[in-house]
Amino acid sequence: MWFCYPSSPRKLAMTVAFFASGAALFAVGMHLSYLNVAPQQARTKARNDFVKERLRQKQGK
């Protein structure tokens, strides 16, 4: 089943354009998310290291 109703070429072009723009926005979001992974991992590691060191100090080791 290709179309449920007769469509005009203009509607088809609009559908393709909206799909392409949505895919482009999704790709940009994925790219920006990928760029921010390393700094977030570094902050998490630094926080974990700080907490571990703090607990060692409190336990007297």
C-alpha atoms as a PDB file:
ATOM      1  CA  MET A   1       0.000   0.000   0.000  1.00  0.00           C
ATOM      2  CA  TRP A   2       1.829   3.073  -1.239  1.00  0.00           C
ATOM      3  CA  PHE A   3      -0.608   5.938  -0.591  1.00  0.00           C
ATOM      4  CA  CYS A   4      -3.989   5.909   1.091  1.00  0.00           C
ATOM      5  CA  TYR A   5      -5.141   8.925  -0.901  1.00  0.00           C
ATOM      6  CA  PRO A   6      -4.171  10.560  -4.154  1.00  0.00           C
ATOM      7  CA  SER A   7      -1.322  12.964  -3.502  1.00  0.00           C
ATOM      8  CA  SER A   8      -0.001  15.833  -5.521  1.00  0.00           C
ATOM      9  CA  PRO A   9       3.672  16.218  -6.446  1.00  0.00           C
ATOM     10  CA  ARG A  10       3.804  19.344  -4.283  1.00  0.00           C
ATOM     11  CA  LYS A  11       2.667  17.409  -1.188  1.00  0.00           C
ATOM     12  CA  LEU A  12       5.195  14.697  -1.902  1.00  0.00           C
ATOM     13  CA  ALA A  13       7.953  17.285  -2.239  1.00  0.00           C
ATOM     14  CA  MET A  14       6.928  18.874   1.068  1.00  0.00           C
ATOM     15  CA  THR A  15       6.950  15.478   2.769  1.00  0.00           C
ATOM     16  CA  VAL A  16      10.431  14.733   1.459  1.00  0.00           C
ATOM     17  CA  ALA A  17      11.654  18.186   2.481  1.00  0.00           C
ATOM     18  CA  PHE A  18      10.288  17.849   6.025  1.00  0.00           C
ATOM     19  CA  PHE A  19      11.767  14.364   6.357  1.00  0.00           C
ATOM     20  CA  ALA A  20      15.172  15.577   5.134  1.00  0.00           C
ATOM     21  CA  SER A  21      15.171  18.565   7.481  1.00  0.00           C
ATOM     22  CA  GLY A  22      14.210  16.341  10.424  1.00  0.00           C
ATOM     23  CA  ALA A  23      16.958  13.880   9.559  1.00  0.00           C
ATOM     24  CA  ALA A  24      19.447  16.750   9.317  1.00  0.00           C
ATOM     25  CA  LEU A  25      18.431  18.082  12.748  1.00  0.00           C
ATOM     26  CA  PHE A  26      18.745  14.588  14.200  1.00  0.00           C
ATOM     27  CA  ALA A  27      22.225  14.207  12.678  1.00  0.00           C
ATOM     28  CA  VAL A  28      23.356  17.573  14.069  1.00  0.00           C
ATOM     29  CA  GLY A  29      22.079  16.583  17.514  1.00  0.00           C
ATOM     30  CA  MET A  30      23.929  13.282  17.360  1.00  0.00           C
ATOM     31  CA  HIS A  31      27.122  15.050  16.316  1.00  0.00           C
ATOM     32  CA  LEU A  32      26.906  17.574  19.155  1.00  0.00           C
ATOM     33  CA  SER A  33      26.151  14.803  21.624  1.00  0.00           C
ATOM     34  CA  TYR A  34      29.175  12.842  20.413  1.00  0.00           C
ATOM     35  CA  LEU A  35      31.411  15.902  20.843  1.00  0.00           C
ATOM     36  CA  ASN A  36      30.305  16.299  24.478  1.00  0.00           C
ATOM     37  CA  VAL A  37      30.908  12.690  25.528  1.00  0.00           C
ATOM     38  CA  ALA A  38      34.613  13.017  26.377  1.00  0.00           C
ATOM     39  CA  PRO A  39      34.268  16.086  28.675  1.00  0.00           C
ATOM     40  CA  GLN A  40      31.349  14.463  30.498  1.00  0.00           C
ATOM     41  CA  GLN A  41      33.328  11.263  31.001  1.00  0.00           C
ATOM     42  CA  ALA A  42      36.298  13.270  32.288  1.00  0.00           C
ATOM     43  CA  ARG A  43      34.115  15.110  34.811  1.00  0.00           C
ATOM     44  CA  THR A  44      32.579  11.841  35.995  1.00  0.00           C
ATOM     45  CA  LYS A  45      35.996  10.221  36.416  1.00  0.00           C
ATOM     46  CA  ALA A  46      37.352  13.234  38.303  1.00  0.00           C
ATOM     47  CA  ARG A  47      34.338  13.241  40.623  1.00  0.00           C
ATOM     48  CA  ASN A  48      34.663   9.492  41.255  1.00  0.00           C
ATOM     49  CA  ASP A  49      38.374   9.824  41.969  1.00  0.00           C
ATOM     50  CA  PHE A  50      37.694  12.691  44.365  1.00  0.00           C
ATOM     51  CA  VAL A  51      35.049  10.709  46.249  1.00  0.00           C
ATOM     52  CA  LYS A  52      37.283   7.631  46.473  1.00  0.00           C
ATOM     53  CA  GLU A  53      40.199   9.705  47.785  1.00  0.00           C
ATOM     54  CA  ARG A  54      37.930  11.454  50.280  1.00  0.00           C
ATOM     55  CA  LEU A  55      36.628   8.123  51.579  1.00  0.00           C
ATOM     56  CA  ARG A  56      40.197   6.812  51.912  1.00  0.00           C
ATOM     57  CA  GLN A  57      41.128   9.877  53.954  1.00  0.00           C
ATOM     58  CA  LYS A  58      38.141   9.434  56.257  1.00  0.00           C
ATOM     59  CA  GLN A  59      38.953   5.762  56.813  1.00  0.00           C
ATOM     60  CA  GLY A  60      42.556   6.661  57.618  1.00  0.00           C
ATOM     61  CA  LYS A  61      44.197   4.710  54.832  1.00  0.00           C
END
